[in-house]
Amino acid sequence: MQSGEWEEAAKIWKGLINAPDQKIAGRAAHNLAVAAERIGNLPGALDWAKKAYNQYGNKASQSYIYTLEQRIADQDRLNYQLKART
């Protein structure tokens, strides 16, 4: 992750989603949300963050969901404004 290998890190985290320990699975889902955001997939990031919070109870994901929703709304607004200029 620190070297920018988000896709490789995501492969490891996907393997932890079915961990018997819900805390580990929740952290893995949250990390998958971060990885998806870093590679530019905001909708995918939001999906993973929601899973981390709703299915695994990862509390850090609750505020991250709000952040991602804001970023998606900002991106939509920017796309609309750029489209209007052309």
PDB file of N, CA and C in Angstrom:
ATOM      1  N   MET A   1       0.820  -1.180   0.000  1.00  0.00           N
ATOM      2  CA  MET A   1       0.000   0.000   0.000  1.00  0.00           C
ATOM      3  C   MET A   1       0.873   1.257   0.000  1.00  0.00           C
ATOM      4  N   GLN A   2       1.908   1.280   0.817  1.00  0.00           N
ATOM      5  CA  GLN A   2       2.753   2.462   0.909  1.00  0.00           C
ATOM      6  C   GLN A   2       3.515   2.724  -0.381  1.00  0.00           C
ATOM      7  N   SER A   3       3.727   1.697  -1.178  1.00  0.00           N
ATOM      8  CA  SER A   3       4.442   1.884  -2.438  1.00  0.00           C
ATOM      9  C   SER A   3       3.499   2.212  -3.590  1.00  0.00           C
ATOM     10  N   GLY A   4       2.205   2.372  -3.291  1.00  0.00           N
ATOM     11  CA  GLY A   4       1.244   2.720  -4.326  1.00  0.00           C
ATOM     12  C   GLY A   4       0.680   1.528  -5.072  1.00  0.00           C
ATOM     13  N   GLU A   5       0.899   0.350  -4.583  1.00  0.00           N
ATOM     14  CA  GLU A   5       0.406  -0.874  -5.222  1.00  0.00           C
ATOM     15  C   GLU A   5      -0.990  -1.206  -4.694  1.00  0.00           C
ATOM     16  N   TRP A   6      -1.941  -0.343  -4.972  1.00  0.00           N
ATOM     17  CA  TRP A   6      -3.292  -0.470  -4.430  1.00  0.00           C
ATOM     18  C   TRP A   6      -3.993  -1.727  -4.920  1.00  0.00           C
ATOM     19  N   GLU A   7      -3.802  -2.063  -6.165  1.00  0.00           N
ATOM     20  CA  GLU A   7      -4.471  -3.248  -6.706  1.00  0.00           C
ATOM     21  C   GLU A   7      -3.923  -4.529  -6.084  1.00  0.00           C
ATOM     22  N   GLU A   8      -2.627  -4.568  -5.837  1.00  0.00           N
ATOM     23  CA  GLU A   8      -2.020  -5.734  -5.192  1.00  0.00           C
ATOM     24  C   GLU A   8      -2.484  -5.833  -3.736  1.00  0.00           C
ATOM     25  N   ALA A   9      -2.545  -4.704  -3.060  1.00  0.00           N
ATOM     26  CA  ALA A   9      -3.023  -4.702  -1.676  1.00  0.00           C
ATOM     27  C   ALA A   9      -4.486  -5.130  -1.621  1.00  0.00           C
ATOM     28  N   ALA A  10      -5.272  -4.698  -2.601  1.00  0.00           N
ATOM     29  CA  ALA A  10      -6.694  -5.055  -2.640  1.00  0.00           C
ATOM     30  C   ALA A  10      -6.877  -6.570  -2.757  1.00  0.00           C
ATOM     31  N   LYS A  11      -5.992  -7.232  -3.479  1.00  0.00           N
ATOM     32  CA  LYS A  11      -6.080  -8.691  -3.597  1.00  0.00           C
ATOM     33  C   LYS A  11      -5.933  -9.356  -2.226  1.00  0.00           C
ATOM     34  N   ILE A  12      -5.032  -8.825  -1.436  1.00  0.00           N
ATOM     35  CA  ILE A  12      -4.820  -9.377  -0.089  1.00  0.00           C
ATOM     36  C   ILE A  12      -6.049  -9.120   0.781  1.00  0.00           C
ATOM     37  N   TRP A  13      -6.569  -7.899   0.720  1.00  0.00           N
ATOM     38  CA  TRP A  13      -7.723  -7.552   1.545  1.00  0.00           C
ATOM     39  C   TRP A  13      -8.967  -8.336   1.148  1.00  0.00           C
ATOM     40  N   LYS A  14      -9.125  -8.617  -0.141  1.00  0.00           N
ATOM     41  CA  LYS A  14     -10.276  -9.410  -0.577  1.00  0.00           C
ATOM     42  C   LYS A  14     -10.229 -10.811   0.039  1.00  0.00           C
ATOM     43  N   GLY A  15      -9.047 -11.310   0.250  1.00  0.00           N
ATOM     44  CA  GLY A  15      -8.906 -12.605   0.889  1.00  0.00           C
ATOM     45  C   GLY A  15      -9.290 -12.600   2.361  1.00  0.00           C
ATOM     46  N   LEU A  16      -9.335 -11.418   2.959  1.00  0.00           N
ATOM     47  CA  LEU A  16      -9.671 -11.300   4.376  1.00  0.00           C
ATOM     48  C   LEU A  16     -11.146 -10.989   4.625  1.00  0.00           C
ATOM     49  N   ILE A  17     -11.900 -10.740   3.574  1.00  0.00           N
ATOM     50  CA  ILE A  17     -13.319 -10.398   3.713  1.00  0.00           C
ATOM     51  C   ILE A  17     -14.105 -11.507   4.395  1.00  0.00           C
ATOM     52  N   ASN A  18     -13.737 -12.744   4.156  1.00  0.00           N
ATOM     53  CA  ASN A  18     -14.456 -13.873   4.743  1.00  0.00           C
ATOM     54  C   ASN A  18     -13.790 -14.383   6.007  1.00  0.00           C
ATOM     55  N   ALA A  19     -12.962 -13.553   6.619  1.00  0.00           N
ATOM     56  CA  ALA A  19     -12.295 -13.959   7.858  1.00  0.00           C
ATOM     57  C   ALA A  19     -13.335 -14.210   8.942  1.00  0.00           C
ATOM     58  N   PRO A  20     -13.096 -15.192   9.785  1.00  0.00           N
ATOM     59  CA  PRO A  20     -14.065 -15.467  10.853  1.00  0.00           C
ATOM     60  C   PRO A  20     -14.176 -14.310  11.853  1.00  0.00           C
ATOM     61  N   ASP A  21     -13.132 -13.537  11.981  1.00  0.00           N
ATOM     62  CA  ASP A  21     -13.145 -12.385  12.878  1.00  0.00           C
ATOM     63  C   ASP A  21     -13.765 -11.187  12.148  1.00  0.00           C
ATOM     64  N   GLN A  22     -14.922 -10.759  12.609  1.00  0.00           N
ATOM     65  CA  GLN A  22     -15.645  -9.660  11.967  1.00  0.00           C
ATOM     66  C   GLN A  22     -14.846  -8.353  11.965  1.00  0.00           C
ATOM     67  N   LYS A  23     -14.021  -8.158  12.962  1.00  0.00           N
ATOM     68  CA  LYS A  23     -13.208  -6.946  13.027  1.00  0.00           C
ATOM     69  C   LYS A  23     -12.187  -6.917  11.881  1.00  0.00           C
ATOM     70  N   ILE A  24     -11.565  -8.049  11.635  1.00  0.00           N
ATOM     71  CA  ILE A  24     -10.599  -8.149  10.531  1.00  0.00           C
ATOM     72  C   ILE A  24     -11.316  -7.962   9.196  1.00  0.00           C
ATOM     73  N   ALA A  25     -12.459  -8.612   9.038  1.00  0.00           N
ATOM     74  CA  ALA A  25     -13.225  -8.481   7.796  1.00  0.00           C
ATOM     75  C   ALA A  25     -13.669  -7.035   7.583  1.00  0.00           C
ATOM     76  N   GLY A  26     -14.073  -6.358   8.645  1.00  0.00           N
ATOM     77  CA  GLY A  26     -14.486  -4.963   8.543  1.00  0.00           C
ATOM     78  C   GLY A  26     -13.351  -4.040   8.146  1.00  0.00           C
ATOM     79  N   ARG A  27     -12.191  -4.284   8.704  1.00  0.00           N
ATOM     80  CA  ARG A  27     -11.020  -3.475   8.333  1.00  0.00           C
ATOM     81  C   ARG A  27     -10.635  -3.726   6.881  1.00  0.00           C
ATOM     82  N   ALA A  28     -10.727  -4.979   6.467  1.00  0.00           N
ATOM     83  CA  ALA A  28     -10.402  -5.316   5.079  1.00  0.00           C
ATOM     84  C   ALA A  28     -11.365  -4.616   4.129  1.00  0.00           C
ATOM     85  N   ALA A  29     -12.661  -4.625   4.447  1.00  0.00           N
ATOM     86  CA  ALA A  29     -13.648  -3.950   3.601  1.00  0.00           C
ATOM     87  C   ALA A  29     -13.387  -2.456   3.561  1.00  0.00           C
ATOM     88  N   HIS A  30     -13.052  -1.863   4.696  1.00  0.00           N
ATOM     89  CA  HIS A  30     -12.740  -0.428   4.732  1.00  0.00           C
ATOM     90  C   HIS A  30     -11.503  -0.133   3.883  1.00  0.00           C
ATOM     91  N   ASN A  31     -10.493  -0.969   4.007  1.00  0.00           N
ATOM     92  CA  ASN A  31      -9.278  -0.780   3.209  1.00  0.00           C
ATOM     93  C   ASN A  31      -9.562  -0.938   1.721  1.00  0.00           C
ATOM     94  N   LEU A  32     -10.477  -1.834   1.376  1.00  0.00           N
ATOM     95  CA  LEU A  32     -10.866  -1.982  -0.030  1.00  0.00           C
ATOM     96  C   LEU A  32     -11.561  -0.719  -0.528  1.00  0.00           C
ATOM     97  N   ALA A  33     -12.303  -0.059   0.344  1.00  0.00           N
ATOM     98  CA  ALA A  33     -12.927   1.219  -0.030  1.00  0.00           C
ATOM     99  C   ALA A  33     -11.856   2.259  -0.330  1.00  0.00           C
ATOM    100  N   VAL A  34     -10.858   2.329   0.520  1.00  0.00           N
ATOM    101  CA  VAL A  34      -9.766   3.289   0.312  1.00  0.00           C
ATOM    102  C   VAL A  34      -9.027   2.976  -0.991  1.00  0.00           C
ATOM    103  N   ALA A  35      -8.758   1.698  -1.224  1.00  0.00           N
ATOM    104  CA  ALA A  35      -8.058   1.303  -2.453  1.00  0.00           C
ATOM    105  C   ALA A  35      -8.877   1.673  -3.681  1.00  0.00           C
ATOM    106  N   ALA A  36     -10.177   1.428  -3.634  1.00  0.00           N
ATOM    107  CA  ALA A  36     -11.036   1.769  -4.775  1.00  0.00           C
ATOM    108  C   ALA A  36     -11.011   3.275  -5.036  1.00  0.00           C
ATOM    109  N   GLU A  37     -11.035   4.052  -3.969  1.00  0.00           N
ATOM    110  CA  GLU A  37     -10.968   5.508  -4.146  1.00  0.00           C
ATOM    111  C   GLU A  37      -9.635   5.916  -4.768  1.00  0.00           C
ATOM    112  N   ARG A  38      -8.565   5.331  -4.281  1.00  0.00           N
ATOM    113  CA  ARG A  38      -7.234   5.695  -4.776  1.00  0.00           C
ATOM    114  C   ARG A  38      -7.042   5.377  -6.249  1.00  0.00           C
ATOM    115  N   ILE A  39      -7.732   4.355  -6.750  1.00  0.00           N
ATOM    116  CA  ILE A  39      -7.594   4.043  -8.172  1.00  0.00           C
ATOM    117  C   ILE A  39      -8.664   4.752  -9.003  1.00  0.00           C
ATOM    118  N   GLY A  40      -9.474   5.593  -8.349  1.00  0.00           N
ATOM    119  CA  GLY A  40     -10.440   6.423  -9.078  1.00  0.00           C
ATOM    120  C   GLY A  40     -11.836   5.853  -9.190  1.00  0.00           C
ATOM    121  N   ASN A  41     -12.157   4.846  -8.420  1.00  0.00           N
ATOM    122  CA  ASN A  41     -13.478   4.226  -8.483  1.00  0.00           C
ATOM    123  C   ASN A  41     -14.299   4.647  -7.265  1.00  0.00           C
ATOM    124  N   LEU A  42     -14.846   5.858  -7.308  1.00  0.00           N
ATOM    125  CA  LEU A  42     -15.614   6.364  -6.169  1.00  0.00           C
ATOM    126  C   LEU A  42     -16.876   5.553  -5.879  1.00  0.00           C
ATOM    127  N   PRO A  43     -17.659   5.148  -6.894  1.00  0.00           N
ATOM    128  CA  PRO A  43     -18.832   4.315  -6.574  1.00  0.00           C
ATOM    129  C   PRO A  43     -18.448   2.986  -5.920  1.00  0.00           C
ATOM    130  N   GLY A  44     -17.384   2.386  -6.387  1.00  0.00           N
ATOM    131  CA  GLY A  44     -16.905   1.144  -5.780  1.00  0.00           C
ATOM    132  C   GLY A  44     -16.432   1.370  -4.354  1.00  0.00           C
ATOM    133  N   ALA A  45     -15.769   2.493  -4.134  1.00  0.00           N
ATOM    134  CA  ALA A  45     -15.319   2.841  -2.782  1.00  0.00           C
ATOM    135  C   ALA A  45     -16.513   2.990  -1.843  1.00  0.00           C
ATOM    136  N   LEU A  46     -17.548   3.644  -2.333  1.00  0.00           N
ATOM    137  CA  LEU A  46     -18.749   3.829  -1.516  1.00  0.00           C
ATOM    138  C   LEU A  46     -19.389   2.482  -1.186  1.00  0.00           C
ATOM    139  N   ASP A  47     -19.453   1.598  -2.149  1.00  0.00           N
ATOM    140  CA  ASP A  47     -20.013   0.262  -1.905  1.00  0.00           C
ATOM    141  C   ASP A  47     -19.236  -0.477  -0.817  1.00  0.00           C
ATOM    142  N   TRP A  48     -17.907  -0.454  -0.912  1.00  0.00           N
ATOM    143  CA  TRP A  48     -17.096  -1.143   0.083  1.00  0.00           C
ATOM    144  C   TRP A  48     -17.221  -0.493   1.455  1.00  0.00           C
ATOM    145  N   ALA A  49     -17.278   0.822   1.497  1.00  0.00           N
ATOM    146  CA  ALA A  49     -17.417   1.512   2.785  1.00  0.00           C
ATOM    147  C   ALA A  49     -18.756   1.160   3.435  1.00  0.00           C
ATOM    148  N   LYS A  50     -19.801   1.087   2.627  1.00  0.00           N
ATOM    149  CA  LYS A  50     -21.113   0.707   3.167  1.00  0.00           C
ATOM    150  C   LYS A  50     -21.095  -0.722   3.694  1.00  0.00           C
ATOM    151  N   LYS A  51     -20.426  -1.620   2.984  1.00  0.00           N
ATOM    152  CA  LYS A  51     -20.304  -2.989   3.468  1.00  0.00           C
ATOM    153  C   LYS A  51     -19.535  -3.024   4.783  1.00  0.00           C
ATOM    154  N   ALA A  52     -18.445  -2.278   4.836  1.00  0.00           N
ATOM    155  CA  ALA A  52     -17.623  -2.258   6.048  1.00  0.00           C
ATOM    156  C   ALA A  52     -18.442  -1.801   7.248  1.00  0.00           C
ATOM    157  N   TYR A  53     -19.290  -0.808   7.037  1.00  0.00           N
ATOM    158  CA  TYR A  53     -20.090  -0.281   8.145  1.00  0.00           C
ATOM    159  C   TYR A  53     -21.316  -1.142   8.436  1.00  0.00           C
ATOM    160  N   ASN A  54     -22.082  -1.451   7.400  1.00  0.00           N
ATOM    161  CA  ASN A  54     -23.353  -2.149   7.600  1.00  0.00           C
ATOM    162  C   ASN A  54     -23.198  -3.637   7.916  1.00  0.00           C
ATOM    163  N   GLN A  55     -22.295  -4.307   7.242  1.00  0.00           N
ATOM    164  CA  GLN A  55     -22.153  -5.751   7.442  1.00  0.00           C
ATOM    165  C   GLN A  55     -21.187  -6.117   8.554  1.00  0.00           C
ATOM    166  N   TYR A  56     -20.145  -5.282   8.724  1.00  0.00           N
ATOM    167  CA  TYR A  56     -19.096  -5.646   9.665  1.00  0.00           C
ATOM    168  C   TYR A  56     -18.986  -4.692  10.860  1.00  0.00           C
ATOM    169  N   GLY A  57     -19.753  -3.616  10.847  1.00  0.00           N
ATOM    170  CA  GLY A  57     -19.766  -2.704  11.989  1.00  0.00           C
ATOM    171  C   GLY A  57     -18.510  -1.866  12.158  1.00  0.00           C
ATOM    172  N   ASN A  58     -17.779  -1.636  11.074  1.00  0.00           N
ATOM    173  CA  ASN A  58     -16.571  -0.810  11.146  1.00  0.00           C
ATOM    174  C   ASN A  58     -16.990   0.657  11.298  1.00  0.00           C
ATOM    175  N   LYS A  59     -16.796   1.207  12.473  1.00  0.00           N
ATOM    176  CA  LYS A  59     -17.279   2.561  12.775  1.00  0.00           C
ATOM    177  C   LYS A  59     -16.555   3.647  11.987  1.00  0.00           C
ATOM    178  N   ALA A  60     -15.303   3.422  11.648  1.00  0.00           N
ATOM    179  CA  ALA A  60     -14.550   4.416  10.871  1.00  0.00           C
ATOM    180  C   ALA A  60     -15.170   4.614   9.495  1.00  0.00           C
ATOM    181  N   SER A  61     -15.855   3.603   9.018  1.00  0.00           N
ATOM    182  CA  SER A  61     -16.450   3.678   7.687  1.00  0.00           C
ATOM    183  C   SER A  61     -17.668   4.591   7.639  1.00  0.00           C
ATOM    184  N   GLN A  62     -18.292   4.837   8.775  1.00  0.00           N
ATOM    185  CA  GLN A  62     -19.489   5.685   8.780  1.00  0.00           C
ATOM    186  C   GLN A  62     -19.165   7.097   8.286  1.00  0.00           C
ATOM    187  N   SER A  63     -18.136   7.704   8.814  1.00  0.00           N
ATOM    188  CA  SER A  63     -17.779   9.048   8.357  1.00  0.00           C
ATOM    189  C   SER A  63     -17.179   9.014   6.957  1.00  0.00           C
ATOM    190  N   TYR A  64     -16.518   7.907   6.616  1.00  0.00           N
ATOM    191  CA  TYR A  64     -15.942   7.774   5.287  1.00  0.00           C
ATOM    192  C   TYR A  64     -17.042   7.694   4.227  1.00  0.00           C
ATOM    193  N   ILE A  65     -18.168   7.077   4.571  1.00  0.00           N
ATOM    194  CA  ILE A  65     -19.308   7.033   3.652  1.00  0.00           C
ATOM    195  C   ILE A  65     -19.753   8.444   3.311  1.00  0.00           C
ATOM    196  N   TYR A  66     -19.891   9.285   4.326  1.00  0.00           N
ATOM    197  CA  TYR A  66     -20.295  10.672   4.102  1.00  0.00           C
ATOM    198  C   TYR A  66     -19.274  11.393   3.218  1.00  0.00           C
ATOM    199  N   THR A  67     -18.001  11.195   3.503  1.00  0.00           N
ATOM    200  CA  THR A  67     -16.941  11.827   2.709  1.00  0.00           C
ATOM    201  C   THR A  67     -17.024  11.397   1.249  1.00  0.00           C
ATOM    202  N   LEU A  68     -17.213  10.108   1.028  1.00  0.00           N
ATOM    203  CA  LEU A  68     -17.305   9.603  -0.344  1.00  0.00           C
ATOM    204  C   LEU A  68     -18.546  10.139  -1.050  1.00  0.00           C
ATOM    205  N   GLU A  69     -19.662  10.212  -0.341  1.00  0.00           N
ATOM    206  CA  GLU A  69     -20.875  10.771  -0.951  1.00  0.00           C
ATOM    207  C   GLU A  69     -20.656  12.224  -1.365  1.00  0.00           C
ATOM    208  N   GLN A  70     -19.934  12.977  -0.551  1.00  0.00           N
ATOM    209  CA  GLN A  70     -19.617  14.363  -0.901  1.00  0.00           C
ATOM    210  C   GLN A  70     -18.700  14.422  -2.124  1.00  0.00           C
ATOM    211  N   ARG A  71     -17.715  13.564  -2.178  1.00  0.00           N
ATOM    212  CA  ARG A  71     -16.784  13.548  -3.314  1.00  0.00           C
ATOM    213  C   ARG A  71     -17.492  13.165  -4.609  1.00  0.00           C
ATOM    214  N   ILE A  72     -18.418  12.215  -4.516  1.00  0.00           N
ATOM    215  CA  ILE A  72     -19.192  11.832  -5.695  1.00  0.00           C
ATOM    216  C   ILE A  72     -20.072  12.988  -6.149  1.00  0.00           C
ATOM    217  N   ALA A  73     -20.710  13.667  -5.207  1.00  0.00           N
ATOM    218  CA  ALA A  73     -21.546  14.819  -5.549  1.00  0.00           C
ATOM    219  C   ALA A  73     -20.701  15.934  -6.160  1.00  0.00           C
ATOM    220  N   ASP A  74     -19.527  16.164  -5.609  1.00  0.00           N
ATOM    221  CA  ASP A  74     -18.624  17.186  -6.162  1.00  0.00           C
ATOM    222  C   ASP A  74     -18.197  16.819  -7.583  1.00  0.00           C
ATOM    223  N   GLN A  75     -17.889  15.550  -7.800  1.00  0.00           N
ATOM    224  CA  GLN A  75     -17.482  15.099  -9.131  1.00  0.00           C
ATOM    225  C   GLN A  75     -18.626  15.250 -10.123  1.00  0.00           C
ATOM    226  N   ASP A  76     -19.837  14.893  -9.696  1.00  0.00           N
ATOM    227  CA  ASP A  76     -21.012  15.053 -10.561  1.00  0.00           C
ATOM    228  C   ASP A  76     -21.235  16.523 -10.915  1.00  0.00           C
ATOM    229  N   ARG A  77     -21.082  17.386  -9.926  1.00  0.00           N
ATOM    230  CA  ARG A  77     -21.254  18.828 -10.149  1.00  0.00           C
ATOM    231  C   ARG A  77     -20.202  19.340 -11.136  1.00  0.00           C
ATOM    232  N   LEU A  78     -18.974  18.915 -10.951  1.00  0.00           N
ATOM    233  CA  LEU A  78     -17.901  19.331 -11.854  1.00  0.00           C
ATOM    234  C   LEU A  78     -18.162  18.838 -13.277  1.00  0.00           C
ATOM    235  N   ASN A  79     -18.577  17.588 -13.422  1.00  0.00           N
ATOM    236  CA  ASN A  79     -18.879  17.063 -14.742  1.00  0.00           C
ATOM    237  C   ASN A  79     -20.009  17.837 -15.397  1.00  0.00           C
ATOM    238  N   TYR A  80     -21.018  18.199 -14.636  1.00  0.00           N
ATOM    239  CA  TYR A  80     -22.139  18.979 -15.153  1.00  0.00           C
ATOM    240  C   TYR A  80     -21.660  20.362 -15.609  1.00  0.00           C
ATOM    241  N   GLN A  81     -20.832  21.001 -14.791  1.00  0.00           N
ATOM    242  CA  GLN A  81     -20.325  22.340 -15.139  1.00  0.00           C
ATOM    243  C   GLN A  81     -19.439  22.290 -16.376  1.00  0.00           C
ATOM    244  N   LEU A  82     -18.621  21.280 -16.486  1.00  0.00           N
ATOM    245  CA  LEU A  82     -17.757  21.166 -17.656  1.00  0.00           C
ATOM    246  C   LEU A  82     -18.566  20.878 -18.907  1.00  0.00           C
ATOM    247  N   LYS A  83     -19.608  20.074 -18.763  1.00  0.00           N
ATOM    248  CA  LYS A  83     -20.476  19.769 -19.886  1.00  0.00           C
ATOM    249  C   LYS A  83     -21.216  21.025 -20.355  1.00  0.00           C
ATOM    250  N   ALA A  84     -21.618  21.858 -19.424  1.00  0.00           N
ATOM    251  CA  ALA A  84     -22.349  23.090 -19.740  1.00  0.00           C
ATOM    252  C   ALA A  84     -21.460  24.087 -20.481  1.00  0.00           C
ATOM    253  N   ARG A  85     -20.169  24.016 -20.274  1.00  0.00           N
ATOM    254  CA  ARG A  85     -19.239  24.965 -20.921  1.00  0.00           C
ATOM    255  C   ARG A  85     -18.986  24.620 -22.378  1.00  0.00           C
ATOM    256  N   THR A  86     -19.219  23.382 -22.758  1.00  0.00           N
ATOM    257  CA  THR A  86     -18.904  22.982 -24.136  1.00  0.00           C
ATOM    258  C   THR A  86     -20.091  23.131 -25.053  1.00  0.00           C
TER     259      THR A  86
END
